[in-house]
Amino acid sequence: MMDNRIAKIEKAKRYAEERHRFRFESFSVKFHGDNNDHAVSFDNGKWHCDCEYFLMHDCCSHTMALERLLDKMLPELVAEAA
């Protein structure tokens, strides 16, 4: 049983290095900004953030930071906006 677990751990490490295997479809995260925490979400290829800048421009430093962090793990349409 332990040999099987070791094989699974090794497979998980390999998967984690192969970012192309992952595509986020939706998620939400609390972003700890310099001044405030912000609720950031991604759903149906669109970002949302509760900061004032996002409300005016449909993007902000919080969403752009997450786009960079999740490089190649988001649908192409969203990744190109970065």
PDB file of N, CA and C in Angstrom:
ATOM      1  N   MET A   1       0.831  -1.205   0.000  1.00  0.00           N
ATOM      2  CA  MET A   1       0.000   0.000   0.000  1.00  0.00           C
ATOM      3  C   MET A   1       0.871   1.264   0.000  1.00  0.00           C
ATOM      4  N   MET A   2       1.971   1.232   0.746  1.00  0.00           N
ATOM      5  CA  MET A   2       2.854   2.396   0.812  1.00  0.00           C
ATOM      6  C   MET A   2       3.497   2.671  -0.549  1.00  0.00           C
ATOM      7  N   ASP A   3       3.859   1.618  -1.301  1.00  0.00           N
ATOM      8  CA  ASP A   3       4.443   1.800  -2.632  1.00  0.00           C
ATOM      9  C   ASP A   3       3.479   2.530  -3.549  1.00  0.00           C
ATOM     10  N   ASN A   4       2.198   2.208  -3.448  1.00  0.00           N
ATOM     11  CA  ASN A   4       1.173   2.854  -4.265  1.00  0.00           C
ATOM     12  C   ASN A   4       1.083   4.340  -3.913  1.00  0.00           C
ATOM     13  N   ARG A   5       1.162   4.659  -2.646  1.00  0.00           N
ATOM     14  CA  ARG A   5       1.093   6.054  -2.217  1.00  0.00           C
ATOM     15  C   ARG A   5       2.308   6.845  -2.723  1.00  0.00           C
ATOM     16  N   ILE A   6       3.467   6.245  -2.675  1.00  0.00           N
ATOM     17  CA  ILE A   6       4.679   6.898  -3.170  1.00  0.00           C
ATOM     18  C   ILE A   6       4.543   7.187  -4.663  1.00  0.00           C
ATOM     19  N   ALA A   7       4.013   6.228  -5.408  1.00  0.00           N
ATOM     20  CA  ALA A   7       3.795   6.424  -6.846  1.00  0.00           C
ATOM     21  C   ALA A   7       2.819   7.571  -7.090  1.00  0.00           C
ATOM     22  N   LYS A   8       1.786   7.675  -6.268  1.00  0.00           N
ATOM     23  CA  LYS A   8       0.802   8.757  -6.413  1.00  0.00           C
ATOM     24  C   LYS A   8       1.430  10.107  -6.104  1.00  0.00           C
ATOM     25  N   ILE A   9       2.284  10.153  -5.096  1.00  0.00           N
ATOM     26  CA  ILE A   9       2.960  11.404  -4.748  1.00  0.00           C
ATOM     27  C   ILE A   9       3.873  11.838  -5.893  1.00  0.00           C
ATOM     28  N   GLU A  10       4.613  10.916  -6.473  1.00  0.00           N
ATOM     29  CA  GLU A  10       5.489  11.228  -7.601  1.00  0.00           C
ATOM     30  C   GLU A  10       4.683  11.719  -8.807  1.00  0.00           C
ATOM     31  N   LYS A  11       3.555  11.080  -9.061  1.00  0.00           N
ATOM     32  CA  LYS A  11       2.692  11.488 -10.167  1.00  0.00           C
ATOM     33  C   LYS A  11       2.153  12.896  -9.920  1.00  0.00           C
ATOM     34  N   ALA A  12       1.769  13.178  -8.689  1.00  0.00           N
ATOM     35  CA  ALA A  12       1.259  14.512  -8.338  1.00  0.00           C
ATOM     36  C   ALA A  12       2.335  15.572  -8.547  1.00  0.00           C
ATOM     37  N   LYS A  13       3.579  15.276  -8.197  1.00  0.00           N
ATOM     38  CA  LYS A  13       4.675  16.226  -8.420  1.00  0.00           C
ATOM     39  C   LYS A  13       4.845  16.507  -9.905  1.00  0.00           C
ATOM     40  N   ARG A  14       4.773  15.458 -10.715  1.00  0.00           N
ATOM     41  CA  ARG A  14       4.912  15.626 -12.171  1.00  0.00           C
ATOM     42  C   ARG A  14       3.757  16.464 -12.713  1.00  0.00           C
ATOM     43  N   TYR A  15       2.540  16.153 -12.292  1.00  0.00           N
ATOM     44  CA  TYR A  15       1.377  16.930 -12.732  1.00  0.00           C
ATOM     45  C   TYR A  15       1.528  18.406 -12.361  1.00  0.00           C
ATOM     46  N   ALA A  16       1.992  18.680 -11.160  1.00  0.00           N
ATOM     47  CA  ALA A  16       2.124  20.064 -10.693  1.00  0.00           C
ATOM     48  C   ALA A  16       3.097  20.859 -11.552  1.00  0.00           C
ATOM     49  N   GLU A  17       4.075  20.195 -12.147  1.00  0.00           N
ATOM     50  CA  GLU A  17       5.041  20.864 -13.019  1.00  0.00           C
ATOM     51  C   GLU A  17       4.505  21.064 -14.432  1.00  0.00           C
ATOM     52  N   GLU A  18       3.426  20.396 -14.781  1.00  0.00           N
ATOM     53  CA  GLU A  18       2.846  20.462 -16.123  1.00  0.00           C
ATOM     54  C   GLU A  18       1.599  21.342 -16.103  1.00  0.00           C
ATOM     55  N   ARG A  19       1.839  22.642 -16.005  1.00  0.00           N
ATOM     56  CA  ARG A  19       0.751  23.614 -15.829  1.00  0.00           C
ATOM     57  C   ARG A  19      -0.295  23.544 -16.925  1.00  0.00           C
ATOM     58  N   HIS A  20       0.082  23.096 -18.118  1.00  0.00           N
ATOM     59  CA  HIS A  20      -0.865  23.025 -19.235  1.00  0.00           C
ATOM     60  C   HIS A  20      -2.014  22.049 -18.955  1.00  0.00           C
ATOM     61  N   ARG A  21      -1.858  21.197 -17.974  1.00  0.00           N
ATOM     62  CA  ARG A  21      -2.911  20.229 -17.637  1.00  0.00           C
ATOM     63  C   ARG A  21      -4.103  20.888 -16.927  1.00  0.00           C
ATOM     64  N   PHE A  22      -3.891  22.070 -16.392  1.00  0.00           N
ATOM     65  CA  PHE A  22      -4.902  22.713 -15.563  1.00  0.00           C
ATOM     66  C   PHE A  22      -5.545  23.893 -16.283  1.00  0.00           C
ATOM     67  N   ARG A  23      -6.864  24.002 -16.195  1.00  0.00           N
ATOM     68  CA  ARG A  23      -7.599  25.162 -16.702  1.00  0.00           C
ATOM     69  C   ARG A  23      -8.648  25.530 -15.649  1.00  0.00           C
ATOM     70  N   PHE A  24      -8.460  26.688 -15.052  1.00  0.00           N
ATOM     71  CA  PHE A  24      -9.440  27.160 -14.082  1.00  0.00           C
ATOM     72  C   PHE A  24     -10.693  27.618 -14.815  1.00  0.00           C
ATOM     73  N   GLU A  25     -11.836  27.176 -14.342  1.00  0.00           N
ATOM     74  CA  GLU A  25     -13.114  27.600 -14.909  1.00  0.00           C
ATOM     75  C   GLU A  25     -13.784  28.635 -14.018  1.00  0.00           C
ATOM     76  N   SER A  26     -13.688  28.449 -12.723  1.00  0.00           N
ATOM     77  CA  SER A  26     -14.225  29.433 -11.786  1.00  0.00           C
ATOM     78  C   SER A  26     -13.543  29.265 -10.433  1.00  0.00           C
ATOM     79  N   PHE A  27     -13.406  30.379  -9.732  1.00  0.00           N
ATOM     80  CA  PHE A  27     -12.851  30.357  -8.382  1.00  0.00           C
ATOM     81  C   PHE A  27     -13.061  31.723  -7.752  1.00  0.00           C
ATOM     82  N   SER A  28     -12.888  31.787  -6.458  1.00  0.00           N
ATOM     83  CA  SER A  28     -12.898  33.070  -5.753  1.00  0.00           C
ATOM     84  C   SER A  28     -11.760  33.051  -4.743  1.00  0.00           C
ATOM     85  N   VAL A  29     -11.229  34.227  -4.500  1.00  0.00           N
ATOM     86  CA  VAL A  29     -10.086  34.336  -3.608  1.00  0.00           C
ATOM     87  C   VAL A  29     -10.145  35.666  -2.864  1.00  0.00           C
ATOM     88  N   LYS A  30      -9.657  35.657  -1.641  1.00  0.00           N
ATOM     89  CA  LYS A  30      -9.520  36.913  -0.899  1.00  0.00           C
ATOM     90  C   LYS A  30      -8.094  37.386  -1.154  1.00  0.00           C
ATOM     91  N   PHE A  31      -7.961  38.575  -1.678  1.00  0.00           N
ATOM     92  CA  PHE A  31      -6.669  39.147  -2.045  1.00  0.00           C
ATOM     93  C   PHE A  31      -6.288  40.168  -0.987  1.00  0.00           C
ATOM     94  N   HIS A  32      -5.168  39.975  -0.334  1.00  0.00           N
ATOM     95  CA  HIS A  32      -4.708  40.917   0.692  1.00  0.00           C
ATOM     96  C   HIS A  32      -3.869  41.997   0.015  1.00  0.00           C
ATOM     97  N   GLY A  33      -4.492  43.123  -0.298  1.00  0.00           N
ATOM     98  CA  GLY A  33      -3.800  44.236  -0.953  1.00  0.00           C
ATOM     99  C   GLY A  33      -3.025  45.083   0.030  1.00  0.00           C
ATOM    100  N   ASP A  34      -2.351  46.098  -0.491  1.00  0.00           N
ATOM    101  CA  ASP A  34      -1.574  46.987   0.378  1.00  0.00           C
ATOM    102  C   ASP A  34      -2.461  47.757   1.351  1.00  0.00           C
ATOM    103  N   ASN A  35      -3.660  48.148   0.884  1.00  0.00           N
ATOM    104  CA  ASN A  35      -4.540  48.962   1.722  1.00  0.00           C
ATOM    105  C   ASN A  35      -5.725  48.204   2.291  1.00  0.00           C
ATOM    106  N   ASN A  36      -6.280  47.277   1.524  1.00  0.00           N
ATOM    107  CA  ASN A  36      -7.472  46.544   1.947  1.00  0.00           C
ATOM    108  C   ASN A  36      -7.439  45.131   1.390  1.00  0.00           C
ATOM    109  N   ASP A  37      -8.285  44.285   1.943  1.00  0.00           N
ATOM    110  CA  ASP A  37      -8.526  42.976   1.353  1.00  0.00           C
ATOM    111  C   ASP A  37      -9.589  43.139   0.278  1.00  0.00           C
ATOM    112  N   HIS A  38      -9.500  42.334  -0.761  1.00  0.00           N
ATOM    113  CA  HIS A  38     -10.465  42.411  -1.853  1.00  0.00           C
ATOM    114  C   HIS A  38     -10.972  41.022  -2.212  1.00  0.00           C
ATOM    115  N   ALA A  39     -12.236  40.958  -2.583  1.00  0.00           N
ATOM    116  CA  ALA A  39     -12.837  39.718  -3.067  1.00  0.00           C
ATOM    117  C   ALA A  39     -12.672  39.694  -4.583  1.00  0.00           C
ATOM    118  N   VAL A  40     -11.915  38.716  -5.070  1.00  0.00           N
ATOM    119  CA  VAL A  40     -11.668  38.574  -6.502  1.00  0.00           C
ATOM    120  C   VAL A  40     -12.231  37.228  -6.935  1.00  0.00           C
ATOM    121  N   SER A  41     -12.924  37.223  -8.077  1.00  0.00           N
ATOM    122  CA  SER A  41     -13.474  35.963  -8.573  1.00  0.00           C
ATOM    123  C   SER A  41     -13.286  35.870 -10.082  1.00  0.00           C
ATOM    124  N   PHE A  42     -13.371  34.654 -10.567  1.00  0.00           N
ATOM    125  CA  PHE A  42     -13.264  34.353 -11.986  1.00  0.00           C
ATOM    126  C   PHE A  42     -14.350  33.337 -12.311  1.00  0.00           C
ATOM    127  N   ASP A  43     -15.178  33.648 -13.312  1.00  0.00           N
ATOM    128  CA  ASP A  43     -16.253  32.738 -13.685  1.00  0.00           C
ATOM    129  C   ASP A  43     -16.649  33.007 -15.139  1.00  0.00           C
ATOM    130  N   ASN A  44     -16.862  31.937 -15.882  1.00  0.00           N
ATOM    131  CA  ASN A  44     -17.255  32.049 -17.298  1.00  0.00           C
ATOM    132  C   ASN A  44     -16.324  32.959 -18.100  1.00  0.00           C
ATOM    133  N   GLY A  45     -15.003  32.871 -17.825  1.00  0.00           N
ATOM    134  CA  GLY A  45     -14.036  33.652 -18.582  1.00  0.00           C
ATOM    135  C   GLY A  45     -13.967  35.113 -18.213  1.00  0.00           C
ATOM    136  N   LYS A  46     -14.594  35.512 -17.101  1.00  0.00           N
ATOM    137  CA  LYS A  46     -14.606  36.921 -16.712  1.00  0.00           C
ATOM    138  C   LYS A  46     -14.150  37.091 -15.274  1.00  0.00           C
ATOM    139  N   TRP A  47     -13.424  38.156 -15.068  1.00  0.00           N
ATOM    140  CA  TRP A  47     -12.955  38.526 -13.735  1.00  0.00           C
ATOM    141  C   TRP A  47     -13.959  39.442 -13.050  1.00  0.00           C
ATOM    142  N   HIS A  48     -13.893  39.466 -11.730  1.00  0.00           N
ATOM    143  CA  HIS A  48     -14.608  40.459 -10.936  1.00  0.00           C
ATOM    144  C   HIS A  48     -13.767  40.747  -9.697  1.00  0.00           C
ATOM    145  N   CYS A  49     -13.676  42.004  -9.350  1.00  0.00           N
ATOM    146  CA  CYS A  49     -13.003  42.419  -8.117  1.00  0.00           C
ATOM    147  C   CYS A  49     -13.845  43.513  -7.487  1.00  0.00           C
ATOM    148  N   ASP A  50     -13.858  43.569  -6.167  1.00  0.00           N
ATOM    149  CA  ASP A  50     -14.675  44.572  -5.488  1.00  0.00           C
ATOM    150  C   ASP A  50     -13.955  45.909  -5.279  1.00  0.00           C
ATOM    151  N   CYS A  51     -12.760  46.066  -5.871  1.00  0.00           N
ATOM    152  CA  CYS A  51     -12.069  47.349  -5.705  1.00  0.00           C
ATOM    153  C   CYS A  51     -12.662  48.411  -6.638  1.00  0.00           C
ATOM    154  N   GLU A  52     -12.463  49.667  -6.286  1.00  0.00           N
ATOM    155  CA  GLU A  52     -13.035  50.769  -7.063  1.00  0.00           C
ATOM    156  C   GLU A  52     -12.480  50.830  -8.489  1.00  0.00           C
ATOM    157  N   TYR A  53     -11.188  50.564  -8.652  1.00  0.00           N
ATOM    158  CA  TYR A  53     -10.582  50.654  -9.980  1.00  0.00           C
ATOM    159  C   TYR A  53     -11.225  49.649 -10.936  1.00  0.00           C
ATOM    160  N   PHE A  54     -11.470  48.426 -10.456  1.00  0.00           N
ATOM    161  CA  PHE A  54     -12.084  47.411 -11.308  1.00  0.00           C
ATOM    162  C   PHE A  54     -13.478  47.841 -11.761  1.00  0.00           C
ATOM    163  N   LEU A  55     -14.231  48.467 -10.882  1.00  0.00           N
ATOM    164  CA  LEU A  55     -15.588  48.897 -11.229  1.00  0.00           C
ATOM    165  C   LEU A  55     -15.595  49.877 -12.398  1.00  0.00           C
ATOM    166  N   MET A  56     -14.526  50.647 -12.549  1.00  0.00           N
ATOM    167  CA  MET A  56     -14.448  51.630 -13.626  1.00  0.00           C
ATOM    168  C   MET A  56     -13.775  51.087 -14.891  1.00  0.00           C
ATOM    169  N   HIS A  57     -12.886  50.087 -14.747  1.00  0.00           N
ATOM    170  CA  HIS A  57     -12.036  49.686 -15.868  1.00  0.00           C
ATOM    171  C   HIS A  57     -12.114  48.197 -16.242  1.00  0.00           C
ATOM    172  N   ASP A  58     -12.870  47.402 -15.522  1.00  0.00           N
ATOM    173  CA  ASP A  58     -12.984  45.956 -15.764  1.00  0.00           C
ATOM    174  C   ASP A  58     -11.659  45.209 -15.665  1.00  0.00           C
ATOM    175  N   CYS A  59     -10.674  45.793 -15.021  1.00  0.00           N
ATOM    176  CA  CYS A  59      -9.420  45.112 -14.677  1.00  0.00           C
ATOM    177  C   CYS A  59      -8.781  45.925 -13.552  1.00  0.00           C
ATOM    178  N   CYS A  60      -7.847  45.317 -12.866  1.00  0.00           N
ATOM    179  CA  CYS A  60      -7.160  46.016 -11.780  1.00  0.00           C
ATOM    180  C   CYS A  60      -5.870  45.266 -11.467  1.00  0.00           C
ATOM    181  N   SER A  61      -5.082  45.814 -10.566  1.00  0.00           N
ATOM    182  CA  SER A  61      -3.818  45.173 -10.212  1.00  0.00           C
ATOM    183  C   SER A  61      -4.042  43.801  -9.579  1.00  0.00           C
ATOM    184  N   HIS A  62      -5.177  43.620  -8.915  1.00  0.00           N
ATOM    185  CA  HIS A  62      -5.468  42.336  -8.266  1.00  0.00           C
ATOM    186  C   HIS A  62      -5.743  41.242  -9.308  1.00  0.00           C
ATOM    187  N   THR A  63      -6.568  41.561 -10.303  1.00  0.00           N
ATOM    188  CA  THR A  63      -6.860  40.568 -11.344  1.00  0.00           C
ATOM    189  C   THR A  63      -5.635  40.327 -12.219  1.00  0.00           C
ATOM    190  N   MET A  64      -4.876  41.384 -12.506  1.00  0.00           N
ATOM    191  CA  MET A  64      -3.673  41.211 -13.330  1.00  0.00           C
ATOM    192  C   MET A  64      -2.621  40.372 -12.610  1.00  0.00           C
ATOM    193  N   ALA A  65      -2.502  40.525 -11.298  1.00  0.00           N
ATOM    194  CA  ALA A  65      -1.554  39.710 -10.525  1.00  0.00           C
ATOM    195  C   ALA A  65      -1.957  38.235 -10.584  1.00  0.00           C
ATOM    196  N   LEU A  66      -3.257  37.973 -10.469  1.00  0.00           N
ATOM    197  CA  LEU A  66      -3.718  36.587 -10.548  1.00  0.00           C
ATOM    198  C   LEU A  66      -3.535  36.008 -11.943  1.00  0.00           C
ATOM    199  N   GLU A  67      -3.713  36.811 -12.969  1.00  0.00           N
ATOM    200  CA  GLU A  67      -3.464  36.338 -14.338  1.00  0.00           C
ATOM    201  C   GLU A  67      -2.006  35.911 -14.490  1.00  0.00           C
ATOM    202  N   ARG A  68      -1.099  36.679 -13.922  1.00  0.00           N
ATOM    203  CA  ARG A  68       0.328  36.330 -13.992  1.00  0.00           C
ATOM    204  C   ARG A  68       0.611  35.071 -13.179  1.00  0.00           C
ATOM    205  N   LEU A  69       0.038  34.994 -12.002  1.00  0.00           N
ATOM    206  CA  LEU A  69       0.237  33.832 -11.133  1.00  0.00           C
ATOM    207  C   LEU A  69      -0.261  32.551 -11.789  1.00  0.00           C
ATOM    208  N   LEU A  70      -1.386  32.642 -12.478  1.00  0.00           N
ATOM    209  CA  LEU A  70      -2.024  31.473 -13.084  1.00  0.00           C
ATOM    210  C   LEU A  70      -1.677  31.335 -14.564  1.00  0.00           C
ATOM    211  N   ASP A  71      -0.552  31.871 -14.968  1.00  0.00           N
ATOM    212  CA  ASP A  71      -0.108  31.825 -16.360  1.00  0.00           C
ATOM    213  C   ASP A  71      -0.337  30.455 -16.982  1.00  0.00           C
ATOM    214  N   LYS A  72      -0.984  30.440 -18.125  1.00  0.00           N
ATOM    215  CA  LYS A  72      -1.284  29.251 -18.916  1.00  0.00           C
ATOM    216  C   LYS A  72      -2.290  28.309 -18.246  1.00  0.00           C
ATOM    217  N   MET A  73      -2.915  28.771 -17.167  1.00  0.00           N
ATOM    218  CA  MET A  73      -3.899  27.953 -16.466  1.00  0.00           C
ATOM    219  C   MET A  73      -5.299  28.548 -16.585  1.00  0.00           C
ATOM    220  N   LEU A  74      -5.426  29.609 -17.390  1.00  0.00           N
ATOM    221  CA  LEU A  74      -6.707  30.253 -17.642  1.00  0.00           C
ATOM    222  C   LEU A  74      -7.043  30.107 -19.116  1.00  0.00           C
ATOM    223  N   PRO A  75      -8.304  30.182 -19.475  1.00  0.00           N
ATOM    224  CA  PRO A  75      -8.660  30.146 -20.885  1.00  0.00           C
ATOM    225  C   PRO A  75      -7.904  31.224 -21.657  1.00  0.00           C
ATOM    226  N   GLU A  76      -7.538  30.963 -22.889  1.00  0.00           N
ATOM    227  CA  GLU A  76      -6.726  31.884 -23.694  1.00  0.00           C
ATOM    228  C   GLU A  76      -7.332  33.283 -23.792  1.00  0.00           C
ATOM    229  N   LEU A  77      -8.617  33.391 -23.928  1.00  0.00           N
ATOM    230  CA  LEU A  77      -9.285  34.694 -24.074  1.00  0.00           C
ATOM    231  C   LEU A  77      -8.939  35.607 -22.910  1.00  0.00           C
ATOM    232  N   VAL A  78      -8.943  35.077 -21.691  1.00  0.00           N
ATOM    233  CA  VAL A  78      -8.639  35.872 -20.502  1.00  0.00           C
ATOM    234  C   VAL A  78      -7.142  36.121 -20.400  1.00  0.00           C
ATOM    235  N   ALA A  79      -6.337  35.118 -20.650  1.00  0.00           N
ATOM    236  CA  ALA A  79      -4.891  35.257 -20.517  1.00  0.00           C
ATOM    237  C   ALA A  79      -4.351  36.340 -21.449  1.00  0.00           C
ATOM    238  N   GLU A  80      -4.949  36.525 -22.619  1.00  0.00           N
ATOM    239  CA  GLU A  80      -4.479  37.517 -23.560  1.00  0.00           C
ATOM    240  C   GLU A  80      -4.733  38.933 -23.084  1.00  0.00           C
ATOM    241  N   ALA A  81      -5.655  39.138 -22.151  1.00  0.00           N
ATOM    242  CA  ALA A  81      -5.975  40.467 -21.649  1.00  0.00           C
ATOM    243  C   ALA A  81      -4.892  41.019 -20.732  1.00  0.00           C
ATOM    244  N   ALA A  82      -3.988  40.169 -20.260  1.00  0.00           N
ATOM    245  CA  ALA A  82      -2.964  40.593 -19.306  1.00  0.00           C
ATOM    246  C   ALA A  82      -1.938  41.440 -19.901  1.00  0.00           C
TER     247      ALA A  82
END
